[in-house]
């Protein structure tokens, strides 16, 4: 018989997979738009508008929040998983797996539209 710790661990793994699947669906629906020229996935602990203005406003047109959680381990894992999933897409600008700040609570995508 499984103890409570094992059941919680299984539930967490299911939840992580569920979150990843939902995020992949959101990202796919965004990047499948033919007007998108390129995108980048990342994580931050800043407000999205601050993040966009501090690093991306000259290279991209928009930032979109994908997922938010106080579970920073989940955010770290999710960023790497999502980048791994999309980094071979021709439109993807991510060159490495992860690298965002420690303590991040938000996953985002920045996008650039075709001119």
PDB file of N, CA and C in Angstrom:
ATOM      1  N   UNK A   1       0.836  -1.183   0.000  1.00  0.00           N
ATOM      2  CA  UNK A   1       0.000   0.000   0.000  1.00  0.00           C
ATOM      3  C   UNK A   1       0.880   1.245   0.000  1.00  0.00           C
ATOM      4  N   UNK A   2       0.510   2.212  -0.805  1.00  0.00           N
ATOM      5  CA  UNK A   2       1.282   3.449  -0.910  1.00  0.00           C
ATOM      6  C   UNK A   2       0.987   4.352   0.281  1.00  0.00           C
ATOM      7  N   UNK A   3       2.050   5.019   0.742  1.00  0.00           N
ATOM      8  CA  UNK A   3       1.826   5.960   1.831  1.00  0.00           C
ATOM      9  C   UNK A   3       1.473   7.337   1.256  1.00  0.00           C
ATOM     10  N   UNK A   4       1.133   8.238   2.122  1.00  0.00           N
ATOM     11  CA  UNK A   4       0.688   9.571   1.712  1.00  0.00           C
ATOM     12  C   UNK A   4       1.757  10.301   0.905  1.00  0.00           C
ATOM     13  N   UNK A   5       2.998  10.143   1.288  1.00  0.00           N
ATOM     14  CA  UNK A   5       4.102  10.806   0.578  1.00  0.00           C
ATOM     15  C   UNK A   5       4.170  10.342  -0.889  1.00  0.00           C
ATOM     16  N   UNK A   6       4.031   9.037  -1.123  1.00  0.00           N
ATOM     17  CA  UNK A   6       4.050   8.510  -2.489  1.00  0.00           C
ATOM     18  C   UNK A   6       2.859   9.018  -3.292  1.00  0.00           C
ATOM     19  N   UNK A   7       1.698   9.053  -2.662  1.00  0.00           N
ATOM     20  CA  UNK A   7       0.504   9.552  -3.351  1.00  0.00           C
ATOM     21  C   UNK A   7       0.654  11.026  -3.716  1.00  0.00           C
ATOM     22  N   UNK A   8       1.195  11.805  -2.809  1.00  0.00           N
ATOM     23  CA  UNK A   8       1.402  13.228  -3.094  1.00  0.00           C
ATOM     24  C   UNK A   8       2.415  13.420  -4.215  1.00  0.00           C
ATOM     25  N   UNK A   9       3.486  12.624  -4.206  1.00  0.00           N
ATOM     26  CA  UNK A   9       4.504  12.713  -5.251  1.00  0.00           C
ATOM     27  C   UNK A   9       3.898  12.375  -6.617  1.00  0.00           C
ATOM     28  N   UNK A  10       3.085  11.331  -6.678  1.00  0.00           N
ATOM     29  CA  UNK A  10       2.416  10.963  -7.937  1.00  0.00           C
ATOM     30  C   UNK A  10       1.485  12.070  -8.403  1.00  0.00           C
ATOM     31  N   UNK A  11       0.753  12.658  -7.466  1.00  0.00           N
ATOM     32  CA  UNK A  11      -0.158  13.743  -7.809  1.00  0.00           C
ATOM     33  C   UNK A  11       0.610  14.955  -8.321  1.00  0.00           C
ATOM     34  N   UNK A  12       1.747  15.261  -7.709  1.00  0.00           N
ATOM     35  CA  UNK A  12       2.566  16.380  -8.156  1.00  0.00           C
ATOM     36  C   UNK A  12       3.059  16.140  -9.576  1.00  0.00           C
ATOM     37  N   UNK A  13       3.532  14.923  -9.868  1.00  0.00           N
ATOM     38  CA  UNK A  13       4.008  14.614 -11.211  1.00  0.00           C
ATOM     39  C   UNK A  13       2.883  14.735 -12.229  1.00  0.00           C
ATOM     40  N   UNK A  14       1.693  14.262 -11.867  1.00  0.00           N
ATOM     41  CA  UNK A  14       0.552  14.410 -12.759  1.00  0.00           C
ATOM     42  C   UNK A  14       0.246  15.886 -12.971  1.00  0.00           C
ATOM     43  N   UNK A  15       0.284  16.654 -11.902  1.00  0.00           N
ATOM     44  CA  UNK A  15      -0.004  18.081 -12.005  1.00  0.00           C
ATOM     45  C   UNK A  15       1.021  18.788 -12.879  1.00  0.00           C
ATOM     46  N   UNK A  16       2.301  18.427 -12.722  1.00  0.00           N
ATOM     47  CA  UNK A  16       3.340  19.042 -13.547  1.00  0.00           C
ATOM     48  C   UNK A  16       3.089  18.745 -15.020  1.00  0.00           C
ATOM     49  N   UNK A  17       2.777  17.514 -15.326  1.00  0.00           N
ATOM     50  CA  UNK A  17       2.497  17.141 -16.714  1.00  0.00           C
ATOM     51  C   UNK A  17       1.284  17.883 -17.245  1.00  0.00           C
ATOM     52  N   UNK A  18       0.285  18.031 -16.418  1.00  0.00           N
ATOM     53  CA  UNK A  18      -0.931  18.739 -16.810  1.00  0.00           C
ATOM     54  C   UNK A  18      -0.640  20.211 -17.093  1.00  0.00           C
ATOM     55  N   UNK A  19       0.142  20.826 -16.227  1.00  0.00           N
ATOM     56  CA  UNK A  19       0.522  22.228 -16.411  1.00  0.00           C
ATOM     57  C   UNK A  19       1.335  22.387 -17.695  1.00  0.00           C
ATOM     58  N   UNK A  20       2.294  21.500 -17.900  1.00  0.00           N
ATOM     59  CA  UNK A  20       3.122  21.564 -19.106  1.00  0.00           C
ATOM     60  C   UNK A  20       2.260  21.438 -20.357  1.00  0.00           C
ATOM     61  N   UNK A  21       1.336  20.497 -20.357  1.00  0.00           N
ATOM     62  CA  UNK A  21       0.453  20.280 -21.499  1.00  0.00           C
ATOM     63  C   UNK A  21      -0.375  21.541 -21.795  1.00  0.00           C
ATOM     64  N   UNK A  22      -0.930  22.140 -20.759  1.00  0.00           N
ATOM     65  CA  UNK A  22      -1.731  23.360 -20.947  1.00  0.00           C
ATOM     66  C   UNK A  22      -0.866  24.498 -21.499  1.00  0.00           C
ATOM     67  N   UNK A  23       0.334  24.639 -20.963  1.00  0.00           N
ATOM     68  CA  UNK A  23       1.241  25.697 -21.447  1.00  0.00           C
ATOM     69  C   UNK A  23       1.641  25.451 -22.898  1.00  0.00           C
ATOM     70  N   UNK A  24       1.904  24.202 -23.254  1.00  0.00           N
ATOM     71  CA  UNK A  24       2.243  23.877 -24.643  1.00  0.00           C
ATOM     72  C   UNK A  24       1.091  24.242 -25.575  1.00  0.00           C
ATOM     73  N   UNK A  25      -0.128  23.979 -25.154  1.00  0.00           N
ATOM     74  CA  UNK A  25      -1.285  24.334 -25.977  1.00  0.00           C
ATOM     75  C   UNK A  25      -1.392  25.841 -26.175  1.00  0.00           C
ATOM     76  N   UNK A  26      -1.155  26.598 -25.118  1.00  0.00           N
ATOM     77  CA  UNK A  26      -1.207  28.060 -25.212  1.00  0.00           C
ATOM     78  C   UNK A  26      -0.120  28.563 -26.160  1.00  0.00           C
ATOM     79  N   UNK A  27       1.109  28.098 -25.955  1.00  0.00           N
ATOM     80  CA  UNK A  27       2.230  28.552 -26.783  1.00  0.00           C
ATOM     81  C   UNK A  27       2.005  28.163 -28.244  1.00  0.00           C
ATOM     82  N   UNK A  28       1.580  26.934 -28.481  1.00  0.00           N
ATOM     83  CA  UNK A  28       1.341  26.494 -29.865  1.00  0.00           C
ATOM     84  C   UNK A  28       0.286  27.354 -30.546  1.00  0.00           C
ATOM     85  N   UNK A  29      -0.755  27.695 -29.815  1.00  0.00           N
ATOM     86  CA  UNK A  29      -1.801  28.520 -30.424  1.00  0.00           C
ATOM     87  C   UNK A  29      -1.280  29.919 -30.749  1.00  0.00           C
ATOM     88  N   UNK A  30      -0.336  30.403 -29.978  1.00  0.00           N
ATOM     89  CA  UNK A  30       0.252  31.723 -30.243  1.00  0.00           C
ATOM     90  C   UNK A  30       1.198  31.666 -31.439  1.00  0.00           C
ATOM     91  N   UNK A  31       2.111  30.707 -31.449  1.00  0.00           N
ATOM     92  CA  UNK A  31       3.147  30.695 -32.486  1.00  0.00           C
ATOM     93  C   UNK A  31       2.650  30.156 -33.820  1.00  0.00           C
ATOM     94  N   UNK A  32       1.516  29.485 -33.825  1.00  0.00           N
ATOM     95  CA  UNK A  32       0.958  29.006 -35.095  1.00  0.00           C
ATOM     96  C   UNK A  32       0.378  30.140 -35.926  1.00  0.00           C
ATOM     97  N   UNK A  33       0.271  31.309 -35.343  1.00  0.00           N
ATOM     98  CA  UNK A  33      -0.204  32.483 -36.057  1.00  0.00           C
ATOM     99  C   UNK A  33       0.815  32.839 -37.144  1.00  0.00           C
ATOM    100  N   UNK A  34       0.365  32.953 -38.367  1.00  0.00           N
ATOM    101  CA  UNK A  34       1.282  33.213 -39.479  1.00  0.00           C
ATOM    102  C   UNK A  34       1.895  34.614 -39.434  1.00  0.00           C
ATOM    103  N   UNK A  35       1.370  35.480 -38.592  1.00  0.00           N
ATOM    104  CA  UNK A  35       1.920  36.832 -38.471  1.00  0.00           C
ATOM    105  C   UNK A  35       3.086  36.919 -37.487  1.00  0.00           C
ATOM    106  N   UNK A  36       3.415  35.821 -36.822  1.00  0.00           N
ATOM    107  CA  UNK A  36       4.524  35.800 -35.858  1.00  0.00           C
ATOM    108  C   UNK A  36       5.814  35.467 -36.602  1.00  0.00           C
ATOM    109  N   UNK A  37       6.819  36.322 -36.463  1.00  0.00           N
ATOM    110  CA  UNK A  37       8.097  36.031 -37.117  1.00  0.00           C
ATOM    111  C   UNK A  37       9.039  35.270 -36.189  1.00  0.00           C
ATOM    112  N   UNK A  38       9.032  35.584 -34.899  1.00  0.00           N
ATOM    113  CA  UNK A  38       9.866  34.864 -33.952  1.00  0.00           C
ATOM    114  C   UNK A  38       9.355  35.072 -32.528  1.00  0.00           C
ATOM    115  N   UNK A  39       9.859  34.209 -31.608  1.00  0.00           N
ATOM    116  CA  UNK A  39       9.421  34.253 -30.214  1.00  0.00           C
ATOM    117  C   UNK A  39      10.517  33.728 -29.307  1.00  0.00           C
ATOM    118  N   UNK A  40      10.336  33.982 -28.025  1.00  0.00           N
ATOM    119  CA  UNK A  40      11.267  33.479 -27.018  1.00  0.00           C
ATOM    120  C   UNK A  40      10.481  33.195 -25.744  1.00  0.00           C
ATOM    121  N   UNK A  41      10.806  32.084 -25.099  1.00  0.00           N
ATOM    122  CA  UNK A  41      10.168  31.665 -23.857  1.00  0.00           C
ATOM    123  C   UNK A  41      11.105  31.981 -22.704  1.00  0.00           C
ATOM    124  N   UNK A  42      10.556  32.460 -21.593  1.00  0.00           N
ATOM    125  CA  UNK A  42      11.396  32.751 -20.439  1.00  0.00           C
ATOM    126  C   UNK A  42      10.616  32.721 -19.144  1.00  0.00           C
ATOM    127  N   UNK A  43      11.331  33.042 -18.067  1.00  0.00           N
ATOM    128  CA  UNK A  43      10.717  33.126 -16.743  1.00  0.00           C
ATOM    129  C   UNK A  43      11.204  34.395 -16.057  1.00  0.00           C
ATOM    130  N   UNK A  44      10.417  34.889 -15.129  1.00  0.00           N
ATOM    131  CA  UNK A  44      10.776  36.120 -14.435  1.00  0.00           C
ATOM    132  C   UNK A  44      10.076  36.194 -13.091  1.00  0.00           C
ATOM    133  N   UNK A  45      10.595  37.046 -12.222  1.00  0.00           N
ATOM    134  CA  UNK A  45       9.893  37.377 -10.998  1.00  0.00           C
ATOM    135  C   UNK A  45       9.420  38.830 -11.043  1.00  0.00           C
ATOM    136  N   UNK A  46       9.626  39.490 -12.167  1.00  0.00           N
ATOM    137  CA  UNK A  46       9.163  40.861 -12.366  1.00  0.00           C
ATOM    138  C   UNK A  46       7.733  40.853 -12.905  1.00  0.00           C
ATOM    139  N   UNK A  47       7.076  41.995 -12.786  1.00  0.00           N
ATOM    140  CA  UNK A  47       5.822  42.173 -13.509  1.00  0.00           C
ATOM    141  C   UNK A  47       6.154  42.071 -14.994  1.00  0.00           C
ATOM    142  N   UNK A  48       5.243  41.540 -15.777  1.00  0.00           N
ATOM    143  CA  UNK A  48       5.541  41.313 -17.196  1.00  0.00           C
ATOM    144  C   UNK A  48       5.847  42.606 -17.941  1.00  0.00           C
ATOM    145  N   UNK A  49       5.150  43.677 -17.622  1.00  0.00           N
ATOM    146  CA  UNK A  49       5.427  44.946 -18.307  1.00  0.00           C
ATOM    147  C   UNK A  49       6.835  45.446 -17.985  1.00  0.00           C
ATOM    148  N   UNK A  50       7.271  45.276 -16.736  1.00  0.00           N
ATOM    149  CA  UNK A  50       8.640  45.661 -16.359  1.00  0.00           C
ATOM    150  C   UNK A  50       9.658  44.812 -17.107  1.00  0.00           C
ATOM    151  N   UNK A  51       9.403  43.510 -17.169  1.00  0.00           N
ATOM    152  CA  UNK A  51      10.319  42.598 -17.865  1.00  0.00           C
ATOM    153  C   UNK A  51      10.436  42.984 -19.338  1.00  0.00           C
ATOM    154  N   UNK A  52       9.303  43.220 -19.959  1.00  0.00           N
ATOM    155  CA  UNK A  52       9.295  43.584 -21.374  1.00  0.00           C
ATOM    156  C   UNK A  52      10.069  44.880 -21.598  1.00  0.00           C
ATOM    157  N   UNK A  53       9.787  45.896 -20.806  1.00  0.00           N
ATOM    158  CA  UNK A  53      10.435  47.198 -20.990  1.00  0.00           C
ATOM    159  C   UNK A  53      11.921  47.174 -20.662  1.00  0.00           C
ATOM    160  N   UNK A  54      12.340  46.305 -19.739  1.00  0.00           N
ATOM    161  CA  UNK A  54      13.750  46.280 -19.353  1.00  0.00           C
ATOM    162  C   UNK A  54      14.627  45.488 -20.319  1.00  0.00           C
ATOM    163  N   UNK A  55      14.054  44.545 -21.053  1.00  0.00           N
ATOM    164  CA  UNK A  55      14.915  43.710 -21.891  1.00  0.00           C
ATOM    165  C   UNK A  55      14.434  43.508 -23.326  1.00  0.00           C
ATOM    166  N   UNK A  56      13.158  43.551 -23.578  1.00  0.00           N
ATOM    167  CA  UNK A  56      12.649  43.062 -24.856  1.00  0.00           C
ATOM    168  C   UNK A  56      12.013  44.102 -25.780  1.00  0.00           C
ATOM    169  N   UNK A  57      11.729  45.295 -25.297  1.00  0.00           N
ATOM    170  CA  UNK A  57      10.941  46.246 -26.094  1.00  0.00           C
ATOM    171  C   UNK A  57      11.582  46.620 -27.427  1.00  0.00           C
ATOM    172  N   UNK A  58      12.884  46.518 -27.537  1.00  0.00           N
ATOM    173  CA  UNK A  58      13.548  46.864 -28.802  1.00  0.00           C
ATOM    174  C   UNK A  58      13.622  45.696 -29.784  1.00  0.00           C
ATOM    175  N   UNK A  59      13.392  44.473 -29.306  1.00  0.00           N
ATOM    176  CA  UNK A  59      13.528  43.292 -30.159  1.00  0.00           C
ATOM    177  C   UNK A  59      12.200  42.613 -30.469  1.00  0.00           C
ATOM    178  N   UNK A  60      11.219  42.786 -29.586  1.00  0.00           N
ATOM    179  CA  UNK A  60       9.938  42.088 -29.722  1.00  0.00           C
ATOM    180  C   UNK A  60       8.786  43.087 -29.625  1.00  0.00           C
ATOM    181  N   UNK A  61       7.607  42.629 -30.010  1.00  0.00           N
ATOM    182  CA  UNK A  61       6.444  43.511 -30.013  1.00  0.00           C
ATOM    183  C   UNK A  61       5.518  43.328 -28.819  1.00  0.00           C
ATOM    184  N   UNK A  62       5.562  42.175 -28.181  1.00  0.00           N
ATOM    185  CA  UNK A  62       4.569  41.885 -27.149  1.00  0.00           C
ATOM    186  C   UNK A  62       5.073  40.804 -26.203  1.00  0.00           C
ATOM    187  N   UNK A  63       4.638  40.882 -24.944  1.00  0.00           N
ATOM    188  CA  UNK A  63       4.899  39.829 -23.962  1.00  0.00           C
ATOM    189  C   UNK A  63       3.552  39.281 -23.496  1.00  0.00           C
ATOM    190  N   UNK A  64       3.495  37.966 -23.356  1.00  0.00           N
ATOM    191  CA  UNK A  64       2.256  37.309 -22.945  1.00  0.00           C
ATOM    192  C   UNK A  64       2.578  36.364 -21.795  1.00  0.00           C
ATOM    193  N   UNK A  65       1.859  36.484 -20.701  1.00  0.00           N
ATOM    194  CA  UNK A  65       2.014  35.573 -19.578  1.00  0.00           C
ATOM    195  C   UNK A  65       1.425  34.215 -19.929  1.00  0.00           C
ATOM    196  N   UNK A  66       2.153  33.161 -19.637  1.00  0.00           N
ATOM    197  CA  UNK A  66       1.720  31.798 -19.940  1.00  0.00           C
ATOM    198  C   UNK A  66       1.288  31.068 -18.671  1.00  0.00           C
ATOM    199  N   UNK A  67       2.042  31.236 -17.581  1.00  0.00           N
ATOM    200  CA  UNK A  67       1.729  30.524 -16.357  1.00  0.00           C
ATOM    201  C   UNK A  67       2.371  31.249 -15.180  1.00  0.00           C
ATOM    202  N   UNK A  68       1.732  31.172 -14.024  1.00  0.00           N
ATOM    203  CA  UNK A  68       2.251  31.815 -12.825  1.00  0.00           C
ATOM    204  C   UNK A  68       2.064  30.889 -11.632  1.00  0.00           C
ATOM    205  N   UNK A  69       3.086  30.794 -10.783  1.00  0.00           N
ATOM    206  CA  UNK A  69       3.015  29.958  -9.588  1.00  0.00           C
ATOM    207  C   UNK A  69       4.053  30.434  -8.580  1.00  0.00           C
ATOM    208  N   UNK A  70       3.734  30.285  -7.321  1.00  0.00           N
ATOM    209  CA  UNK A  70       4.700  30.579  -6.262  1.00  0.00           C
ATOM    210  C   UNK A  70       5.701  29.435  -6.099  1.00  0.00           C
ATOM    211  N   UNK A  71       5.447  28.308  -6.748  1.00  0.00           N
ATOM    212  CA  UNK A  71       6.336  27.149  -6.695  1.00  0.00           C
ATOM    213  C   UNK A  71       7.485  27.376  -7.672  1.00  0.00           C
ATOM    214  N   UNK A  72       8.578  27.924  -7.171  1.00  0.00           N
ATOM    215  CA  UNK A  72       9.696  28.299  -8.047  1.00  0.00           C
ATOM    216  C   UNK A  72      10.385  27.083  -8.669  1.00  0.00           C
ATOM    217  N   UNK A  73      10.360  25.934  -7.980  1.00  0.00           N
ATOM    218  CA  UNK A  73      10.918  24.718  -8.579  1.00  0.00           C
ATOM    219  C   UNK A  73      10.099  24.307  -9.804  1.00  0.00           C
ATOM    220  N   UNK A  74       8.789  24.429  -9.705  1.00  0.00           N
ATOM    221  CA  UNK A  74       7.912  24.125 -10.838  1.00  0.00           C
ATOM    222  C   UNK A  74       8.199  25.067 -12.000  1.00  0.00           C
ATOM    223  N   UNK A  75       8.358  26.348 -11.712  1.00  0.00           N
ATOM    224  CA  UNK A  75       8.647  27.334 -12.765  1.00  0.00           C
ATOM    225  C   UNK A  75       9.987  27.027 -13.427  1.00  0.00           C
ATOM    226  N   UNK A  76      11.003  26.702 -12.640  1.00  0.00           N
ATOM    227  CA  UNK A  76      12.319  26.348 -13.204  1.00  0.00           C
ATOM    228  C   UNK A  76      12.193  25.149 -14.143  1.00  0.00           C
ATOM    229  N   UNK A  77      11.519  24.114 -13.676  1.00  0.00           N
ATOM    230  CA  UNK A  77      11.325  22.900 -14.472  1.00  0.00           C
ATOM    231  C   UNK A  77      10.527  23.204 -15.734  1.00  0.00           C
ATOM    232  N   UNK A  78       9.455  23.962 -15.579  1.00  0.00           N
ATOM    233  CA  UNK A  78       8.570  24.256 -16.695  1.00  0.00           C
ATOM    234  C   UNK A  78       9.271  25.064 -17.780  1.00  0.00           C
ATOM    235  N   UNK A  79      10.066  26.042 -17.388  1.00  0.00           N
ATOM    236  CA  UNK A  79      10.800  26.828 -18.384  1.00  0.00           C
ATOM    237  C   UNK A  79      11.689  25.916 -19.227  1.00  0.00           C
ATOM    238  N   UNK A  80      12.446  25.056 -18.579  1.00  0.00           N
ATOM    239  CA  UNK A  80      13.339  24.152 -19.312  1.00  0.00           C
ATOM    240  C   UNK A  80      12.563  23.206 -20.220  1.00  0.00           C
ATOM    241  N   UNK A  81      11.478  22.657 -19.715  1.00  0.00           N
ATOM    242  CA  UNK A  81      10.656  21.736 -20.507  1.00  0.00           C
ATOM    243  C   UNK A  81      10.063  22.421 -21.739  1.00  0.00           C
ATOM    244  N   UNK A  82       9.565  23.623 -21.561  1.00  0.00           N
ATOM    245  CA  UNK A  82       8.940  24.340 -22.682  1.00  0.00           C
ATOM    246  C   UNK A  82       9.979  24.751 -23.722  1.00  0.00           C
ATOM    247  N   UNK A  83      11.122  25.199 -23.265  1.00  0.00           N
ATOM    248  CA  UNK A  83      12.183  25.559 -24.220  1.00  0.00           C
ATOM    249  C   UNK A  83      12.636  24.317 -24.978  1.00  0.00           C
ATOM    250  N   UNK A  84      12.803  23.208 -24.270  1.00  0.00           N
ATOM    251  CA  UNK A  84      13.190  21.963 -24.933  1.00  0.00           C
ATOM    252  C   UNK A  84      12.169  21.575 -25.999  1.00  0.00           C
ATOM    253  N   UNK A  85      10.922  21.770 -25.693  1.00  0.00           N
ATOM    254  CA  UNK A  85       9.840  21.412 -26.619  1.00  0.00           C
ATOM    255  C   UNK A  85       9.862  22.264 -27.888  1.00  0.00           C
ATOM    256  N   UNK A  86      10.225  23.536 -27.767  1.00  0.00           N
ATOM    257  CA  UNK A  86      10.086  24.468 -28.894  1.00  0.00           C
ATOM    258  C   UNK A  86      11.389  24.964 -29.514  1.00  0.00           C
ATOM    259  N   UNK A  87      12.524  24.665 -28.929  1.00  0.00           N
ATOM    260  CA  UNK A  87      13.750  25.315 -29.404  1.00  0.00           C
ATOM    261  C   UNK A  87      14.182  24.915 -30.815  1.00  0.00           C
ATOM    262  N   UNK A  88      13.640  23.844 -31.349  1.00  0.00           N
ATOM    263  CA  UNK A  88      13.958  23.489 -32.734  1.00  0.00           C
ATOM    264  C   UNK A  88      12.977  24.073 -33.742  1.00  0.00           C
ATOM    265  N   UNK A  89      12.006  24.815 -33.247  1.00  0.00           N
ATOM    266  CA  UNK A  89      11.082  25.525 -34.142  1.00  0.00           C
ATOM    267  C   UNK A  89      11.868  26.649 -34.838  1.00  0.00           C
ATOM    268  N   UNK A  90      11.668  26.828 -36.127  1.00  0.00           N
ATOM    269  CA  UNK A  90      12.410  27.882 -36.836  1.00  0.00           C
ATOM    270  C   UNK A  90      12.202  29.290 -36.258  1.00  0.00           C
ATOM    271  N   UNK A  91      11.050  29.536 -35.671  1.00  0.00           N
ATOM    272  CA  UNK A  91      10.737  30.867 -35.133  1.00  0.00           C
ATOM    273  C   UNK A  91      11.293  31.091 -33.723  1.00  0.00           C
ATOM    274  N   UNK A  92      11.825  30.050 -33.077  1.00  0.00           N
ATOM    275  CA  UNK A  92      12.232  30.141 -31.672  1.00  0.00           C
ATOM    276  C   UNK A  92      13.628  30.751 -31.540  1.00  0.00           C
ATOM    277  N   UNK A  93      13.742  31.763 -30.665  1.00  0.00           N
ATOM    278  CA  UNK A  93      15.021  32.434 -30.425  1.00  0.00           C
ATOM    279  C   UNK A  93      15.774  31.889 -29.213  1.00  0.00           C
ATOM    280  N   UNK A  94      15.209  30.943 -28.477  1.00  0.00           N
ATOM    281  CA  UNK A  94      15.911  30.372 -27.319  1.00  0.00           C
ATOM    282  C   UNK A  94      17.111  29.555 -27.791  1.00  0.00           C
ATOM    283  N   UNK A  95      18.281  29.878 -27.265  1.00  0.00           N
ATOM    284  CA  UNK A  95      19.513  29.181 -27.632  1.00  0.00           C
ATOM    285  C   UNK A  95      19.955  28.194 -26.552  1.00  0.00           C
ATOM    286  N   UNK A  96      19.511  28.394 -25.327  1.00  0.00           N
ATOM    287  CA  UNK A  96      19.897  27.514 -24.230  1.00  0.00           C
ATOM    288  C   UNK A  96      18.664  27.144 -23.423  1.00  0.00           C
ATOM    289  N   UNK A  97      18.779  26.069 -22.664  1.00  0.00           N
ATOM    290  CA  UNK A  97      17.683  25.638 -21.799  1.00  0.00           C
ATOM    291  C   UNK A  97      17.738  26.431 -20.503  1.00  0.00           C
ATOM    292  N   UNK A  98      16.787  27.290 -20.306  1.00  0.00           N
ATOM    293  CA  UNK A  98      16.709  28.048 -19.060  1.00  0.00           C
ATOM    294  C   UNK A  98      17.726  29.158 -18.983  1.00  0.00           C
ATOM    295  N   UNK A  99      17.940  29.607 -17.773  1.00  0.00           N
ATOM    296  CA  UNK A  99      18.901  30.679 -17.564  1.00  0.00           C
ATOM    297  C   UNK A  99      18.271  31.914 -16.972  1.00  0.00           C
ATOM    298  N   UNK A 100      16.959  31.903 -16.771  1.00  0.00           N
ATOM    299  CA  UNK A 100      16.286  33.037 -16.151  1.00  0.00           C
ATOM    300  C   UNK A 100      16.655  33.140 -14.681  1.00  0.00           C
ATOM    301  N   UNK A 101      16.145  34.153 -13.998  1.00  0.00           N
ATOM    302  CA  UNK A 101      16.529  34.394 -12.607  1.00  0.00           C
ATOM    303  C   UNK A 101      16.000  33.343 -11.638  1.00  0.00           C
ATOM    304  N   UNK A 102      16.751  33.107 -10.558  1.00  0.00           N
ATOM    305  CA  UNK A 102      16.272  32.247  -9.482  1.00  0.00           C
ATOM    306  C   UNK A 102      15.082  32.935  -8.812  1.00  0.00           C
ATOM    307  N   UNK A 103      14.164  32.136  -8.311  1.00  0.00           N
ATOM    308  CA  UNK A 103      13.005  32.696  -7.620  1.00  0.00           C
ATOM    309  C   UNK A 103      11.918  33.198  -8.543  1.00  0.00           C
ATOM    310  N   UNK A 104      11.993  32.853  -9.823  1.00  0.00           N
ATOM    311  CA  UNK A 104      10.994  33.310 -10.783  1.00  0.00           C
ATOM    312  C   UNK A 104       9.641  32.668 -10.494  1.00  0.00           C
ATOM    313  N   UNK A 105       8.587  33.432 -10.740  1.00  0.00           N
ATOM    314  CA  UNK A 105       7.234  32.953 -10.477  1.00  0.00           C
ATOM    315  C   UNK A 105       6.334  33.006 -11.711  1.00  0.00           C
ATOM    316  N   UNK A 106       6.878  33.454 -12.840  1.00  0.00           N
ATOM    317  CA  UNK A 106       6.070  33.591 -14.049  1.00  0.00           C
ATOM    318  C   UNK A 106       6.799  33.028 -15.267  1.00  0.00           C
ATOM    319  N   UNK A 107       6.036  32.344 -16.122  1.00  0.00           N
ATOM    320  CA  UNK A 107       6.517  31.902 -17.431  1.00  0.00           C
ATOM    321  C   UNK A 107       5.870  32.830 -18.459  1.00  0.00           C
ATOM    322  N   UNK A 108       6.648  33.273 -19.448  1.00  0.00           N
ATOM    323  CA  UNK A 108       6.117  34.181 -20.465  1.00  0.00           C
ATOM    324  C   UNK A 108       6.651  33.801 -21.835  1.00  0.00           C
ATOM    325  N   UNK A 109       6.049  34.403 -22.839  1.00  0.00           N
ATOM    326  CA  UNK A 109       6.562  34.319 -24.203  1.00  0.00           C
ATOM    327  C   UNK A 109       6.584  35.741 -24.745  1.00  0.00           C
ATOM    328  N   UNK A 110       7.674  36.093 -25.396  1.00  0.00           N
ATOM    329  CA  UNK A 110       7.720  37.364 -26.115  1.00  0.00           C
ATOM    330  C   UNK A 110       7.637  37.029 -27.597  1.00  0.00           C
ATOM    331  N   UNK A 111       6.932  37.860 -28.328  1.00  0.00           N
ATOM    332  CA  UNK A 111       6.722  37.602 -29.747  1.00  0.00           C
ATOM    333  C   UNK A 111       7.028  38.826 -30.572  1.00  0.00           C
ATOM    334  N   UNK A 112       7.435  38.573 -31.801  1.00  0.00           N
ATOM    335  CA  UNK A 112       7.649  39.640 -32.783  1.00  0.00           C
ATOM    336  C   UNK A 112       6.761  39.323 -33.968  1.00  0.00           C
ATOM    337  N   UNK A 113       6.060  40.344 -34.426  1.00  0.00           N
ATOM    338  CA  UNK A 113       5.183  40.185 -35.591  1.00  0.00           C
ATOM    339  C   UNK A 113       5.953  40.477 -36.866  1.00  0.00           C
ATOM    340  N   UNK A 114       5.575  39.832 -37.951  1.00  0.00           N
ATOM    341  CA  UNK A 114       6.148  40.139 -39.268  1.00  0.00           C
ATOM    342  C   UNK A 114       5.746  41.554 -39.649  1.00  0.00           C
ATOM    343  N   UNK A 115       6.641  42.240 -40.292  1.00  0.00           N
ATOM    344  CA  UNK A 115       6.371  43.624 -40.737  1.00  0.00           C
ATOM    345  C   UNK A 115       5.773  43.626 -42.116  1.00  0.00           C
TER     346      UNK A 115
END
